[in-house]
Protein backbone atom coordinates (compact mmCIF):
# COMPACT_ATOMS: atom_id res chain seq x y z
CA MET A 1 -6.78 -11.02 -11.28
CA LYS A 2 -3.12 -12.28 -10.97
CA LYS A 3 -2.34 -9.96 -13.82
CA LEU A 4 -3.64 -7.22 -12.18
CA ILE A 5 -1.72 -7.72 -9.06
CA SER A 6 1.37 -8.12 -10.89
CA LYS A 7 0.90 -4.65 -12.51
CA ILE A 8 -0.13 -2.98 -9.35
CA LEU A 9 2.85 -4.23 -7.55
CA LEU A 10 5.36 -3.54 -10.33
CA GLY A 11 4.12 -0.34 -10.79
CA SER A 12 4.90 0.55 -7.42
CA PHE A 13 8.05 1.42 -8.71
CA VAL A 14 7.16 4.35 -10.58
CA VAL A 15 3.63 5.88 -8.49
CA GLY A 16 4.62 8.94 -7.34
CA SER A 17 7.81 9.68 -9.49
CA ILE A 18 6.53 13.10 -11.00
CA THR A 19 7.62 16.62 -10.83
CA PHE A 20 5.29 18.91 -9.03
CA ALA A 21 4.48 22.29 -10.74
CA GLN A 22 1.50 23.54 -8.48
CA ALA A 23 0.84 23.89 -4.74
CA GLN A 24 -0.67 21.08 -2.53
CA LYS A 25 -3.88 21.57 -0.68
CA ILE A 26 -3.68 19.68 2.43
CA ASP A 27 -6.52 20.13 4.82
CA ALA A 28 -5.58 20.49 8.38
CA LYS A 29 -8.18 17.69 9.69
CA ALA A 30 -7.13 15.33 7.54
CA LYS A 31 -3.31 15.84 8.05
CA LYS A 32 -3.79 15.35 11.59
CA ILE A 33 -5.83 12.08 11.18
CA LEU A 34 -3.26 10.85 9.03
CA ASP A 35 0.01 11.76 11.11
CA GLU A 36 -1.78 10.20 14.11
CA VAL A 37 -2.09 6.82 12.25
CA THR A 38 1.32 7.26 11.17
CA ALA A 39 2.51 7.95 14.58
CA ASN A 40 0.67 5.31 15.98
CA TYR A 41 1.88 2.38 13.72
CA LYS A 42 5.77 3.94 13.81
CA SER A 43 5.77 3.36 17.57
CA LYS A 44 5.25 -0.10 17.36
CA LYS A 45 8.19 -2.42 16.74
CA ASN A 46 6.25 -4.40 13.99
CA THR A 47 2.69 -4.32 12.93
CA TYR A 48 0.59 -7.16 10.83
CA PHE A 49 -2.39 -6.96 8.91
CA LYS A 50 -4.58 -9.57 7.34
CA PHE A 51 -6.63 -7.90 4.68
CA SER A 52 -8.90 -8.73 1.60
CA PHE A 53 -7.64 -7.34 -1.82
CA GLY A 54 -10.24 -6.63 -4.13
CA SER A 55 -9.79 -5.06 -7.62
CA GLY A 56 -11.97 -4.82 -11.06
CA VAL A 57 -12.20 -2.44 -13.94
CA LYS A 58 -14.92 0.49 -14.56
CA GLY A 59 -14.78 1.16 -11.12
CA THR A 60 -16.45 -2.21 -9.79
CA VAL A 61 -14.55 -4.65 -7.53
CA SER A 62 -15.07 -7.86 -9.13
CA LYS A 63 -12.99 -10.23 -7.28
CA THR A 64 -11.45 -10.62 -4.14
CA GLU A 65 -8.45 -12.25 -2.37
CA PRO A 66 -7.02 -12.71 0.87
CA GLY A 67 -3.77 -10.78 1.63
CA ILE A 68 -0.96 -10.34 4.58
CA TYR A 69 1.28 -7.61 5.66
CA TYR A 70 4.01 -7.48 7.81
CA ALA A 71 6.11 -4.31 8.50
CA ALA A 72 8.85 -3.44 10.93
CA GLY A 73 10.28 -0.27 10.46
CA ASP A 74 11.08 0.69 6.71
CA LYS A 75 10.66 -2.92 5.91
CA TYR A 76 7.97 -4.93 4.82
CA LYS A 77 6.70 -8.06 3.29
CA LEU A 78 3.16 -8.10 1.38
CA LYS A 79 1.74 -11.32 0.11
CA ILE A 80 -1.45 -11.62 -2.20
CA MET A 81 -2.11 -14.83 -3.85
CA GLU A 82 1.09 -16.10 -5.79
CA THR A 83 2.80 -12.32 -5.56
CA GLN A 84 4.58 -11.30 -2.93
CA GLN A 85 6.41 -8.04 -2.55
CA VAL A 86 9.33 -7.61 0.27
CA PHE A 87 11.43 -4.93 0.90
CA ASP A 88 14.40 -5.45 2.87
CA GLY A 89 14.92 -1.41 3.50
CA SER A 90 17.24 -1.41 0.37
CA LYS A 91 15.84 -3.18 -2.84
CA ILE A 92 12.08 -4.28 -3.58
CA TYR A 93 11.55 -7.82 -4.43
CA ASN A 94 8.48 -8.60 -6.35
CA ILE A 95 8.10 -12.75 -6.54
CA ASN A 96 5.87 -14.25 -8.76
CA THR A 97 5.57 -17.77 -7.55
CA GLU A 98 3.14 -19.14 -10.35
CA ASP A 99 5.27 -17.76 -12.91
CA MET A 100 8.52 -18.66 -11.03
CA GLU A 101 9.94 -14.95 -11.91
CA VAL A 102 11.59 -12.31 -9.68
CA THR A 103 11.93 -8.83 -10.17
CA VAL A 104 14.50 -6.68 -8.12
CA ALA A 105 14.51 -2.67 -7.94
CA LYS A 106 15.66 -0.06 -5.84
CA PRO A 107 12.84 2.38 -5.25
CA ASN A 108 13.66 6.01 -5.86
CA ALA A 109 12.93 8.73 -3.67
CA ASN A 110 9.17 9.70 -4.63
CA SER A 111 8.16 6.08 -5.17
CA THR A 112 5.07 4.55 -3.67
CA MET A 113 4.58 0.91 -2.91
CA PHE A 114 0.92 -0.43 -2.76
CA SER A 115 0.36 -1.76 0.81
CA PRO A 116 -1.73 -1.17 3.63
CA ILE A 117 -0.38 1.83 5.19
CA ASN A 118 1.48 3.20 1.95
CA TYR A 119 -0.28 6.44 1.30
CA LEU A 120 -0.02 7.68 4.80
CA THR A 121 3.46 9.34 4.56
CA SER A 122 3.60 9.63 1.17
CA TYR A 123 0.67 12.35 0.57
CA ARG A 124 3.14 14.78 2.25
CA ASN A 125 4.77 15.43 -1.14
CA ASP A 126 2.31 13.62 -3.97
CA TYR A 127 -1.13 14.52 -3.20
CA ASN A 128 -3.96 17.19 -2.16
CA VAL A 129 -5.50 15.97 0.95
CA ALA A 130 -9.15 16.69 1.77
CA TYR A 131 -11.60 15.38 4.77
CA SER A 132 -14.70 14.02 3.21
CA GLY A 133 -16.71 13.06 6.47
CA LYS A 134 -17.94 10.07 7.99
CA LYS A 135 -18.50 6.65 6.33
CA THR A 136 -19.50 3.27 8.17
CA VAL A 137 -16.89 0.70 7.13
CA ASP A 138 -17.88 -2.71 8.52
CA GLY A 139 -19.60 -1.44 11.11
CA VAL A 140 -17.25 1.09 12.25
CA SER A 141 -17.80 4.95 11.98
CA ALA A 142 -14.47 6.11 9.90
CA ASP A 143 -13.21 9.24 9.03
CA PHE A 144 -13.00 9.39 5.24
CA ILE A 145 -10.05 11.17 3.33
CA THR A 146 -9.59 11.75 -0.21
CA LEU A 147 -6.11 12.20 -1.63
CA THR A 148 -5.98 13.45 -5.43
CA PRO A 149 -2.57 13.28 -7.28
CA VAL A 150 -0.95 17.15 -7.50
CA LYS A 151 -0.13 16.18 -11.11
CA SER A 152 -0.90 13.02 -13.20
CA ASN A 153 0.39 9.92 -12.16
CA GLY A 154 -2.39 7.18 -13.35
CA LEU A 155 -4.32 7.74 -10.55
CA LYS A 156 -7.69 9.55 -10.02
CA ASN A 157 -8.32 9.31 -6.40
CA ILE A 158 -6.93 7.27 -3.29
CA TYR A 159 -9.70 6.77 -0.55
CA ILE A 160 -8.50 6.59 3.16
CA PHE A 161 -10.85 5.38 5.91
CA VAL A 162 -9.69 5.71 9.38
CA ASP A 163 -10.87 4.39 12.93
CA SER A 164 -9.55 7.49 14.56
CA ALA A 165 -10.47 6.45 18.17
CA LYS A 166 -7.70 3.62 17.64
CA LYS A 167 -5.52 5.27 15.38
CA GLN A 168 -5.55 2.50 12.69
CA MET A 169 -6.84 2.46 8.93
CA LEU A 170 -9.79 0.35 8.31
CA LYS A 171 -9.61 0.38 4.53
CA LEU A 172 -7.89 1.78 1.32
CA GLU A 173 -9.14 2.21 -2.30
CA GLN A 174 -7.19 3.04 -5.47
CA HIS A 175 -8.92 4.52 -8.26
CA GLY A 176 -6.74 4.76 -11.58
CA THR A 177 -7.68 7.26 -14.45
CA ASN A 178 -8.61 4.12 -16.79
CA LYS A 179 -11.04 3.22 -14.21
CA ASP A 180 -9.24 0.38 -12.74
CA ILE A 181 -9.93 -0.03 -9.06
CA ALA A 182 -7.77 -1.83 -6.12
CA VAL A 183 -9.13 -1.90 -2.43
CA ILE A 184 -7.59 -3.30 0.44
CA SER A 185 -9.89 -3.67 3.52
CA ILE A 186 -7.86 -4.64 7.03
CA LYS A 187 -9.84 -7.60 8.63
CA GLU A 188 -7.04 -8.25 11.35
CA TYR A 189 -4.43 -6.11 12.99
CA LYS A 190 -1.88 -7.55 15.28
CA GLU A 191 1.22 -5.36 16.81
CA ASN A 192 5.02 -5.97 18.26
CA GLN A 193 4.77 -9.85 17.71
CA GLN A 194 8.10 -12.08 17.82
CA LEU A 195 8.76 -12.21 14.02
CA ASP A 196 11.01 -14.53 11.94
CA PRO A 197 14.67 -12.51 12.31
CA ASN A 198 14.80 -13.49 7.91
CA MET A 199 11.23 -12.24 7.61
CA PHE A 200 12.35 -9.35 5.32
CA VAL A 201 15.32 -11.24 3.77
CA PHE A 202 15.38 -12.31 0.21
CA ASP A 203 17.60 -15.38 -0.02
CA LYS A 204 18.69 -16.10 -3.61
CA ASN A 205 19.51 -20.02 -2.73
CA LYS A 206 15.47 -20.24 -2.53
CA PHE A 207 14.95 -19.27 -5.95
CA LYS A 208 17.48 -21.30 -7.89
CA ASN A 209 14.87 -21.99 -10.77
CA TYR A 210 13.60 -18.52 -10.80
CA VAL A 211 14.25 -15.84 -13.62
CA ILE A 212 15.66 -13.13 -11.37
CA THR A 213 15.65 -9.46 -13.27
CA GLU A 214 17.27 -6.36 -11.89
CA LEU A 215 15.62 -3.45 -13.04
């Protein structure tokens, strides 16, 4: 489980870094839903999600772990088990407390981070988008949207489930071409909280005994 999470987070630097040679197909209804959710989140000073992270192989989730996600503007902090990913607006820091390692990199223009809301805007350049109807998620009738990469990037499909009445995402599923699966199910949502001013700051002094690698 830990290795899979690290693989997903570290892999975020290259997901989406592709050159497109064919036209996108974006369904108007799906686009409207995604844009409304994005606008809702962006209108907040900050947002917080408590979620469950499920992973597995052969398309089946075999284990879940809790996670938390804070975001303010472009900055965010994502934590799952012993792995954290922090974006301070300039660099991405992957912190593994169990292995005492930190990997630092600058995201490129097309990179996609694996987080509760990462695909809400990246679809504009990277994916074909289709409205796939309604599905019930934790007792809520959700709009079901399917994202398919325009060109091969290691992913087969991304499924997004949205509570359109509240303009909030309920669940995200990422299916790899190798049949790996990663699922984020949002369990709690808060907005406009009073956050620690250092929430999105990476302080090297706190990681003196860690191996820090700049990519």
